Amino acid sequence: MKFPCELIVWDVLPSIRSELAKKLSKSGLSQKEVSERLEITQAAVSQYINKKRGYGIEFKQDAMRAIEDLADDMMAGRIKDGVDLIPRICEICMKIREDGTVCGLEKYVVAKKR
């Protein structure tokens, strides 16, 4: 049995990073600048942009909008470092878990607090 967080680490997180890397790169940042903002290596950015890593998931509209909003906030300087980035990535992961984007994750939906 795989825990949902294992699926997130191996499948979802790389796909989120891939989308972010592509959007930041298309906004005019170099791979080095993208790597610094995402706090990953430049080689990883290259792999994300060239679809060698993190390309297997098609996000539903809400998750894609959240990724685009995060990329916009990163470009505008509203995301300063990993301290700001981590909660936003976690929010996107929760959206993906809730909407069943990844087969099998829907059975691990975390109940929302009321």
N, C-alpha and C. Protein backbone atom coordinates (compact mmCIF):
# COMPACT_ATOMS: atom_id res chain seq x y z
N MET A 1 0.85 -1.18 0.00
CA MET A 1 0.00 0.00 0.00
C MET A 1 0.89 1.23 0.00
N LYS A 2 0.54 2.17 -0.86
CA LYS A 2 1.25 3.44 -0.87
C LYS A 2 0.40 4.47 -0.15
N PHE A 3 1.06 5.27 0.65
CA PHE A 3 0.37 6.37 1.31
C PHE A 3 0.14 7.49 0.30
N PRO A 4 -0.91 8.27 0.50
CA PRO A 4 -1.19 9.35 -0.46
C PRO A 4 -0.02 10.31 -0.60
N CYS A 5 0.70 10.55 0.47
CA CYS A 5 1.84 11.47 0.38
C CYS A 5 2.94 10.93 -0.52
N GLU A 6 3.07 9.59 -0.61
CA GLU A 6 4.05 9.01 -1.53
C GLU A 6 3.67 9.32 -2.97
N LEU A 7 2.39 9.20 -3.27
CA LEU A 7 1.91 9.53 -4.62
C LEU A 7 2.15 11.01 -4.91
N ILE A 8 1.93 11.84 -3.92
CA ILE A 8 2.16 13.28 -4.08
C ILE A 8 3.63 13.53 -4.41
N VAL A 9 4.53 12.94 -3.63
CA VAL A 9 5.97 13.18 -3.81
C VAL A 9 6.45 12.68 -5.17
N TRP A 10 6.00 11.51 -5.59
CA TRP A 10 6.51 10.92 -6.82
C TRP A 10 5.81 11.40 -8.07
N ASP A 11 4.55 11.79 -7.97
CA ASP A 11 3.78 12.14 -9.17
C ASP A 11 3.30 13.59 -9.20
N VAL A 12 2.67 14.02 -8.13
CA VAL A 12 2.01 15.32 -8.14
C VAL A 12 3.00 16.47 -8.00
N LEU A 13 3.87 16.42 -7.02
CA LEU A 13 4.80 17.52 -6.80
C LEU A 13 5.68 17.80 -8.03
N PRO A 14 6.25 16.78 -8.66
CA PRO A 14 7.01 17.08 -9.88
C PRO A 14 6.16 17.72 -10.99
N SER A 15 4.89 17.33 -11.08
CA SER A 15 4.02 17.93 -12.09
C SER A 15 3.70 19.39 -11.77
N ILE A 16 3.52 19.69 -10.50
CA ILE A 16 3.29 21.08 -10.10
C ILE A 16 4.55 21.90 -10.41
N ARG A 17 5.70 21.40 -10.02
CA ARG A 17 6.95 22.11 -10.29
C ARG A 17 7.16 22.30 -11.79
N SER A 18 6.80 21.29 -12.56
CA SER A 18 6.93 21.39 -14.01
C SER A 18 6.08 22.53 -14.56
N GLU A 19 4.83 22.59 -14.14
CA GLU A 19 3.95 23.67 -14.60
C GLU A 19 4.47 25.03 -14.17
N LEU A 20 4.93 25.13 -12.93
CA LEU A 20 5.49 26.39 -12.45
C LEU A 20 6.73 26.78 -13.24
N ALA A 21 7.62 25.82 -13.47
CA ALA A 21 8.84 26.10 -14.22
C ALA A 21 8.52 26.60 -15.63
N LYS A 22 7.56 25.95 -16.28
CA LYS A 22 7.18 26.37 -17.64
C LYS A 22 6.59 27.78 -17.64
N LYS A 23 5.71 28.05 -16.68
CA LYS A 23 5.07 29.36 -16.63
C LYS A 23 6.08 30.47 -16.30
N LEU A 24 6.97 30.21 -15.36
CA LEU A 24 7.98 31.21 -15.01
C LEU A 24 8.95 31.43 -16.17
N SER A 25 9.31 30.37 -16.85
CA SER A 25 10.21 30.48 -17.99
C SER A 25 9.56 31.28 -19.12
N LYS A 26 8.28 30.99 -19.39
CA LYS A 26 7.55 31.73 -20.43
C LYS A 26 7.38 33.21 -20.07
N SER A 27 7.45 33.51 -18.78
CA SER A 27 7.33 34.90 -18.33
C SER A 27 8.65 35.66 -18.47
N GLY A 28 9.69 34.97 -18.93
CA GLY A 28 10.95 35.64 -19.21
C GLY A 28 12.09 35.35 -18.26
N LEU A 29 11.87 34.51 -17.28
CA LEU A 29 12.96 34.18 -16.36
C LEU A 29 13.88 33.13 -16.99
N SER A 30 15.15 33.22 -16.69
CA SER A 30 16.10 32.20 -17.13
C SER A 30 15.90 30.94 -16.28
N GLN A 31 16.45 29.83 -16.74
CA GLN A 31 16.35 28.60 -15.96
C GLN A 31 17.01 28.77 -14.60
N LYS A 32 18.09 29.52 -14.55
CA LYS A 32 18.77 29.76 -13.27
C LYS A 32 17.86 30.55 -12.33
N GLU A 33 17.18 31.56 -12.84
CA GLU A 33 16.27 32.35 -12.01
C GLU A 33 15.08 31.50 -11.54
N VAL A 34 14.56 30.67 -12.43
CA VAL A 34 13.46 29.77 -12.06
C VAL A 34 13.92 28.83 -10.97
N SER A 35 15.12 28.28 -11.11
CA SER A 35 15.63 27.33 -10.11
C SER A 35 15.77 28.00 -8.75
N GLU A 36 16.21 29.25 -8.75
CA GLU A 36 16.36 29.97 -7.49
C GLU A 36 15.01 30.23 -6.84
N ARG A 37 14.03 30.59 -7.64
CA ARG A 37 12.70 30.88 -7.07
C ARG A 37 12.00 29.62 -6.57
N LEU A 38 12.21 28.52 -7.27
CA LEU A 38 11.58 27.26 -6.85
C LEU A 38 12.44 26.48 -5.86
N GLU A 39 13.66 26.97 -5.65
CA GLU A 39 14.61 26.32 -4.74
C GLU A 39 14.89 24.88 -5.15
N ILE A 40 15.15 24.71 -6.46
CA ILE A 40 15.53 23.43 -7.04
C ILE A 40 16.74 23.68 -7.94
N THR A 41 17.33 22.63 -8.47
CA THR A 41 18.50 22.81 -9.32
C THR A 41 18.09 23.29 -10.71
N GLN A 42 19.05 23.91 -11.39
CA GLN A 42 18.81 24.34 -12.77
C GLN A 42 18.58 23.13 -13.67
N ALA A 43 19.26 22.02 -13.36
CA ALA A 43 19.08 20.79 -14.15
C ALA A 43 17.64 20.28 -14.03
N ALA A 44 17.07 20.37 -12.83
CA ALA A 44 15.68 19.95 -12.64
C ALA A 44 14.75 20.84 -13.46
N VAL A 45 15.01 22.14 -13.47
CA VAL A 45 14.19 23.07 -14.26
C VAL A 45 14.25 22.68 -15.73
N SER A 46 15.43 22.39 -16.22
CA SER A 46 15.59 21.97 -17.62
C SER A 46 14.77 20.72 -17.91
N GLN A 47 14.81 19.75 -17.00
CA GLN A 47 14.04 18.52 -17.20
C GLN A 47 12.54 18.79 -17.18
N TYR A 48 12.09 19.68 -16.30
CA TYR A 48 10.67 20.02 -16.25
C TYR A 48 10.23 20.70 -17.55
N ILE A 49 11.02 21.65 -18.00
CA ILE A 49 10.66 22.41 -19.21
C ILE A 49 10.68 21.51 -20.44
N ASN A 50 11.59 20.56 -20.48
CA ASN A 50 11.73 19.67 -21.64
C ASN A 50 10.96 18.36 -21.51
N LYS A 51 10.04 18.31 -20.56
CA LYS A 51 9.15 17.16 -20.37
C LYS A 51 9.89 15.85 -20.15
N LYS A 52 10.99 15.92 -19.42
CA LYS A 52 11.71 14.70 -19.04
C LYS A 52 11.37 14.31 -17.61
N ARG A 53 10.65 15.21 -16.94
CA ARG A 53 10.26 14.96 -15.55
C ARG A 53 8.98 15.76 -15.28
N GLY A 54 8.06 15.15 -14.53
CA GLY A 54 6.88 15.88 -14.08
C GLY A 54 5.88 16.24 -15.16
N TYR A 55 5.65 15.36 -16.10
CA TYR A 55 4.74 15.70 -17.20
C TYR A 55 3.51 14.81 -17.28
N GLY A 56 3.28 13.95 -16.29
CA GLY A 56 2.25 12.94 -16.43
C GLY A 56 0.85 13.28 -15.95
N ILE A 57 0.65 14.46 -15.40
CA ILE A 57 -0.65 14.78 -14.82
C ILE A 57 -1.27 15.98 -15.53
N GLU A 58 -2.54 15.84 -15.88
CA GLU A 58 -3.32 16.97 -16.39
C GLU A 58 -4.16 17.48 -15.25
N PHE A 59 -3.93 18.72 -14.87
CA PHE A 59 -4.63 19.29 -13.73
C PHE A 59 -6.01 19.79 -14.13
N LYS A 60 -6.93 19.66 -13.20
CA LYS A 60 -8.27 20.21 -13.40
C LYS A 60 -8.20 21.72 -13.23
N GLN A 61 -9.27 22.38 -13.62
CA GLN A 61 -9.29 23.84 -13.70
C GLN A 61 -8.89 24.55 -12.40
N ASP A 62 -9.43 24.12 -11.27
CA ASP A 62 -9.12 24.79 -10.00
C ASP A 62 -7.64 24.68 -9.65
N ALA A 63 -7.08 23.51 -9.83
CA ALA A 63 -5.66 23.31 -9.52
C ALA A 63 -4.79 24.11 -10.48
N MET A 64 -5.12 24.10 -11.76
CA MET A 64 -4.34 24.86 -12.74
C MET A 64 -4.42 26.36 -12.45
N ARG A 65 -5.58 26.83 -12.07
CA ARG A 65 -5.72 28.25 -11.72
C ARG A 65 -4.85 28.59 -10.52
N ALA A 66 -4.81 27.70 -9.53
CA ALA A 66 -3.98 27.93 -8.35
C ALA A 66 -2.49 27.94 -8.71
N ILE A 67 -2.09 27.08 -9.64
CA ILE A 67 -0.70 27.06 -10.10
C ILE A 67 -0.39 28.36 -10.84
N GLU A 68 -1.29 28.79 -11.70
CA GLU A 68 -1.09 30.04 -12.44
C GLU A 68 -1.02 31.24 -11.50
N ASP A 69 -1.89 31.27 -10.49
CA ASP A 69 -1.87 32.35 -9.50
C ASP A 69 -0.55 32.36 -8.74
N LEU A 70 -0.05 31.18 -8.39
CA LEU A 70 1.22 31.09 -7.69
C LEU A 70 2.35 31.61 -8.58
N ALA A 71 2.35 31.22 -9.85
CA ALA A 71 3.38 31.70 -10.78
C ALA A 71 3.32 33.22 -10.90
N ASP A 72 2.11 33.77 -11.00
CA ASP A 72 1.95 35.23 -11.06
C ASP A 72 2.49 35.90 -9.81
N ASP A 73 2.19 35.33 -8.65
CA ASP A 73 2.67 35.90 -7.39
C ASP A 73 4.19 35.80 -7.29
N MET A 74 4.76 34.74 -7.82
CA MET A 74 6.21 34.60 -7.82
C MET A 74 6.85 35.65 -8.73
N MET A 75 6.27 35.87 -9.89
CA MET A 75 6.79 36.87 -10.82
C MET A 75 6.68 38.28 -10.23
N ALA A 76 5.61 38.53 -9.49
CA ALA A 76 5.38 39.85 -8.92
C ALA A 76 6.17 40.07 -7.63
N GLY A 77 6.87 39.04 -7.16
CA GLY A 77 7.67 39.17 -5.96
C GLY A 77 6.89 39.03 -4.67
N ARG A 78 5.66 38.53 -4.77
CA ARG A 78 4.85 38.35 -3.56
C ARG A 78 5.20 37.06 -2.82
N ILE A 79 5.95 36.19 -3.47
CA ILE A 79 6.46 34.97 -2.84
C ILE A 79 7.96 35.19 -2.67
N LYS A 80 8.38 35.32 -1.45
CA LYS A 80 9.77 35.71 -1.17
C LYS A 80 10.72 34.51 -1.10
N ASP A 81 10.27 33.41 -0.52
CA ASP A 81 11.17 32.27 -0.34
C ASP A 81 10.33 31.03 -0.07
N GLY A 82 11.02 29.94 0.29
CA GLY A 82 10.33 28.68 0.57
C GLY A 82 9.28 28.78 1.66
N VAL A 83 9.48 29.70 2.60
CA VAL A 83 8.51 29.86 3.68
C VAL A 83 7.16 30.28 3.11
N ASP A 84 7.18 31.11 2.06
CA ASP A 84 5.94 31.53 1.40
C ASP A 84 5.47 30.50 0.38
N LEU A 85 6.42 29.80 -0.23
CA LEU A 85 6.11 28.86 -1.30
C LEU A 85 5.47 27.57 -0.78
N ILE A 86 5.96 27.05 0.32
CA ILE A 86 5.50 25.76 0.82
C ILE A 86 3.99 25.71 1.08
N PRO A 87 3.41 26.68 1.80
CA PRO A 87 1.97 26.59 2.03
C PRO A 87 1.14 26.65 0.75
N ARG A 88 1.63 27.40 -0.24
CA ARG A 88 0.90 27.50 -1.50
C ARG A 88 0.94 26.17 -2.26
N ILE A 89 2.09 25.52 -2.26
CA ILE A 89 2.20 24.21 -2.90
C ILE A 89 1.30 23.21 -2.17
N CYS A 90 1.29 23.27 -0.85
CA CYS A 90 0.44 22.36 -0.06
C CYS A 90 -1.03 22.57 -0.39
N GLU A 91 -1.45 23.81 -0.56
CA GLU A 91 -2.85 24.10 -0.94
C GLU A 91 -3.18 23.48 -2.28
N ILE A 92 -2.26 23.58 -3.23
CA ILE A 92 -2.48 22.99 -4.55
C ILE A 92 -2.58 21.47 -4.44
N CYS A 93 -1.70 20.87 -3.65
CA CYS A 93 -1.76 19.42 -3.45
C CYS A 93 -3.09 18.99 -2.85
N MET A 94 -3.59 19.77 -1.90
CA MET A 94 -4.88 19.43 -1.29
C MET A 94 -6.01 19.52 -2.31
N LYS A 95 -5.96 20.52 -3.18
CA LYS A 95 -6.97 20.62 -4.25
C LYS A 95 -6.94 19.37 -5.12
N ILE A 96 -5.73 18.94 -5.45
CA ILE A 96 -5.57 17.77 -6.32
C ILE A 96 -6.05 16.50 -5.62
N ARG A 97 -5.77 16.39 -4.35
CA ARG A 97 -6.27 15.23 -3.59
C ARG A 97 -7.79 15.23 -3.54
N GLU A 98 -8.37 16.40 -3.37
CA GLU A 98 -9.82 16.50 -3.24
C GLU A 98 -10.54 16.27 -4.57
N ASP A 99 -9.93 16.71 -5.67
CA ASP A 99 -10.65 16.59 -6.95
C ASP A 99 -10.42 15.27 -7.66
N GLY A 100 -9.60 14.39 -7.09
CA GLY A 100 -9.41 13.07 -7.67
C GLY A 100 -8.60 13.07 -8.95
N THR A 101 -7.77 14.08 -9.17
CA THR A 101 -6.97 14.15 -10.39
C THR A 101 -6.11 12.91 -10.56
N VAL A 102 -5.51 12.46 -9.50
CA VAL A 102 -4.64 11.28 -9.57
C VAL A 102 -5.45 10.07 -9.15
N CYS A 103 -5.50 9.10 -10.00
CA CYS A 103 -6.27 7.89 -9.73
C CYS A 103 -5.89 7.29 -8.39
N GLY A 104 -6.88 7.07 -7.56
CA GLY A 104 -6.64 6.46 -6.27
C GLY A 104 -6.54 7.45 -5.13
N LEU A 105 -6.23 8.71 -5.42
CA LEU A 105 -6.11 9.67 -4.34
C LEU A 105 -7.47 10.07 -3.77
N GLU A 106 -8.51 9.94 -4.58
CA GLU A 106 -9.82 10.39 -4.10
C GLU A 106 -10.28 9.63 -2.86
N LYS A 107 -9.78 8.43 -2.65
CA LYS A 107 -10.18 7.69 -1.45
C LYS A 107 -9.46 8.17 -0.20
N TYR A 108 -8.48 9.06 -0.39
CA TYR A 108 -7.74 9.62 0.73
C TYR A 108 -8.09 11.08 0.98
N VAL A 109 -9.23 11.51 0.51
CA VAL A 109 -9.62 12.91 0.69
C VAL A 109 -9.60 13.26 2.17
N VAL A 110 -8.96 14.33 2.48
CA VAL A 110 -8.87 14.79 3.84
C VAL A 110 -10.11 15.63 4.14
N ALA A 111 -10.81 15.26 5.21
CA ALA A 111 -12.02 16.00 5.57
C ALA A 111 -11.67 17.44 5.88
N LYS A 112 -12.47 18.36 5.33
CA LYS A 112 -12.25 19.77 5.60
C LYS A 112 -12.76 20.10 6.98
N LYS A 113 -12.03 20.95 7.66
CA LYS A 113 -12.48 21.40 8.96
C LYS A 113 -13.62 22.38 8.78
N ARG A 114 -14.56 22.29 9.66
CA ARG A 114 -15.71 23.19 9.55
C ARG A 114 -15.55 24.37 10.45
